[in-house]
Amino acid sequence: MTGKDWKRWRSMSSAIRYNEQSGMVIYRSKMTYGKNRKNFRVFEAGEFVAAITQHIPEKNHQLVRYYGWYSNRSRGGRLKAERPDAGDMPSAGAAVIAVADYEPRRMPSPKWRECIKKVW
């Protein structure tokens, strides 16, 4: 066990107590504020296992972690609104530069050109 895992286990072991004689589990919480002050709860062993495993999703089940403003769809829409697509026509005020008759200063060496062809 790493140090981080050990700290997590130690904090969980202090929060959970199992009484073998009665078969009950006592879970202590740090929630001691608000109107739902429940700093401990007593479970039967089977109920406790069901309670702690109910948050585990089924296999291949997708969780919704972000929604509203933070969802991927909303963030993507805002990003598209900020920048125009590359295929769009330029706006009326933009200058168009003709590059059809552009000639590079020199051709790359044949070895370099062949290397690029192999890669791409």
Protein backbone atom coordinates (compact mmCIF):
# COMPACT_ATOMS: atom_id res chain seq x y z
CA MET A 1 0.00 0.00 0.00
CA THR A 2 1.24 3.47 -0.83
CA GLY A 3 1.19 6.28 1.67
CA LYS A 4 -1.86 7.86 0.08
CA ASP A 5 -3.79 4.57 0.13
CA TRP A 6 -2.81 3.98 3.74
CA LYS A 7 -4.08 7.43 4.80
CA ARG A 8 -7.37 6.81 2.99
CA TRP A 9 -7.73 3.37 4.63
CA ARG A 10 -6.89 4.76 8.05
CA SER A 11 -9.51 7.51 7.73
CA MET A 12 -12.12 5.00 6.53
CA SER A 13 -11.28 2.51 9.26
CA SER A 14 -11.87 5.17 11.91
CA ALA A 15 -15.26 6.00 10.33
CA ILE A 16 -16.50 2.39 10.10
CA ARG A 17 -16.87 0.00 13.03
CA TYR A 18 -18.22 -3.56 12.83
CA ASN A 19 -19.66 -5.29 15.86
CA GLU A 20 -19.32 -9.06 15.34
CA GLN A 21 -21.70 -10.03 18.14
CA SER A 22 -24.67 -8.03 16.86
CA GLY A 23 -23.67 -8.08 13.17
CA MET A 24 -24.15 -4.31 12.94
CA VAL A 25 -21.98 -1.69 11.24
CA ILE A 26 -21.65 1.81 12.71
CA TYR A 27 -20.69 4.48 10.20
CA ARG A 28 -19.52 7.79 11.66
CA SER A 29 -19.72 10.88 9.49
CA LYS A 30 -18.06 14.26 9.85
CA MET A 31 -21.35 15.95 8.92
CA THR A 32 -22.26 17.71 12.15
CA TYR A 33 -23.82 20.86 10.69
CA GLY A 34 -26.97 21.88 8.83
CA LYS A 35 -30.49 20.70 9.42
CA ASN A 36 -29.66 17.02 8.64
CA ARG A 37 -27.13 16.50 11.42
CA LYS A 38 -26.36 12.82 11.13
CA ASN A 39 -22.95 12.15 12.52
CA PHE A 40 -23.50 8.37 12.72
CA ARG A 41 -25.75 5.67 11.33
CA VAL A 42 -26.22 2.02 12.28
CA PHE A 43 -26.60 -0.57 9.49
CA GLU A 44 -26.96 -4.30 9.30
CA ALA A 45 -23.99 -5.78 7.43
CA GLY A 46 -25.94 -6.47 4.22
CA GLU A 47 -27.55 -3.01 4.24
CA PHE A 48 -24.16 -1.38 4.67
CA VAL A 49 -22.67 -3.19 1.68
CA ALA A 50 -25.72 -2.21 -0.40
CA ALA A 51 -25.43 1.43 0.71
CA ILE A 52 -21.76 1.81 -0.16
CA THR A 53 -22.01 -0.03 -3.49
CA GLN A 54 -25.10 1.73 -4.84
CA HIS A 55 -22.99 4.54 -6.33
CA ILE A 56 -20.93 2.14 -8.49
CA PRO A 57 -22.30 2.34 -12.05
CA GLU A 58 -23.22 -0.72 -14.10
CA LYS A 59 -20.77 -1.97 -16.71
CA ASN A 60 -20.61 0.31 -19.79
CA HIS A 61 -22.88 2.85 -18.10
CA GLN A 62 -21.98 6.46 -18.83
CA LEU A 63 -21.98 8.90 -15.95
CA VAL A 64 -23.03 12.52 -16.37
CA ARG A 65 -20.36 14.45 -14.56
CA TYR A 66 -20.89 17.93 -15.96
CA TYR A 67 -24.20 19.47 -17.00
CA GLY A 68 -25.52 22.91 -17.79
CA TRP A 69 -22.83 25.53 -18.33
CA TYR A 70 -19.99 23.04 -17.77
CA SER A 71 -21.24 20.29 -20.13
CA ASN A 72 -19.17 19.39 -23.18
CA ARG A 73 -21.98 20.45 -25.49
CA SER A 74 -22.26 23.90 -23.94
CA ARG A 75 -18.50 24.44 -23.88
CA GLY A 76 -18.20 23.31 -27.50
CA GLY A 77 -21.00 25.64 -28.59
CA ARG A 78 -19.34 28.59 -26.88
CA LEU A 79 -16.02 27.71 -28.49
CA LYS A 80 -17.59 27.57 -31.97
CA ALA A 81 -19.27 30.92 -31.40
CA GLU A 82 -15.94 32.50 -30.45
CA ARG A 83 -14.01 31.47 -33.57
CA PRO A 84 -15.24 31.10 -37.15
CA ASP A 85 -14.63 27.85 -39.02
CA ALA A 86 -11.65 27.67 -41.38
CA GLY A 87 -13.89 26.82 -44.37
CA ASP A 88 -16.10 29.89 -44.01
CA MET A 89 -15.88 32.71 -46.49
CA PRO A 90 -13.95 35.74 -45.24
CA SER A 91 -15.99 38.65 -43.99
CA ALA A 92 -16.53 41.72 -46.20
CA GLY A 93 -13.84 43.74 -44.41
CA ALA A 94 -11.08 41.08 -44.69
CA ALA A 95 -8.43 41.33 -47.41
CA VAL A 96 -7.92 38.32 -49.70
CA ILE A 97 -4.33 37.42 -50.55
CA ALA A 98 -3.66 35.50 -53.77
CA VAL A 99 -1.11 32.73 -53.23
CA ALA A 100 -1.49 30.85 -56.53
CA ASP A 101 1.76 32.19 -58.03
CA TYR A 102 3.88 31.78 -54.87
CA GLU A 103 7.25 30.14 -55.40
CA PRO A 104 9.39 29.03 -52.47
CA ARG A 105 12.93 30.39 -52.23
CA ARG A 106 14.44 26.98 -52.80
CA MET A 107 13.29 23.37 -53.01
CA PRO A 108 14.12 21.11 -50.08
CA SER A 109 16.87 18.56 -50.60
CA PRO A 110 15.78 15.24 -52.17
CA LYS A 111 16.68 13.29 -49.02
CA TRP A 112 14.53 15.50 -46.83
CA ARG A 113 11.69 15.38 -49.34
CA GLU A 114 11.81 11.56 -49.44
CA CYS A 115 11.80 11.38 -45.65
CA ILE A 116 8.69 13.54 -45.47
CA LYS A 117 6.97 11.40 -48.12
CA LYS A 118 7.71 8.23 -46.11
CA VAL A 119 6.32 9.75 -42.92
CA TRP A 120 3.21 11.26 -44.48
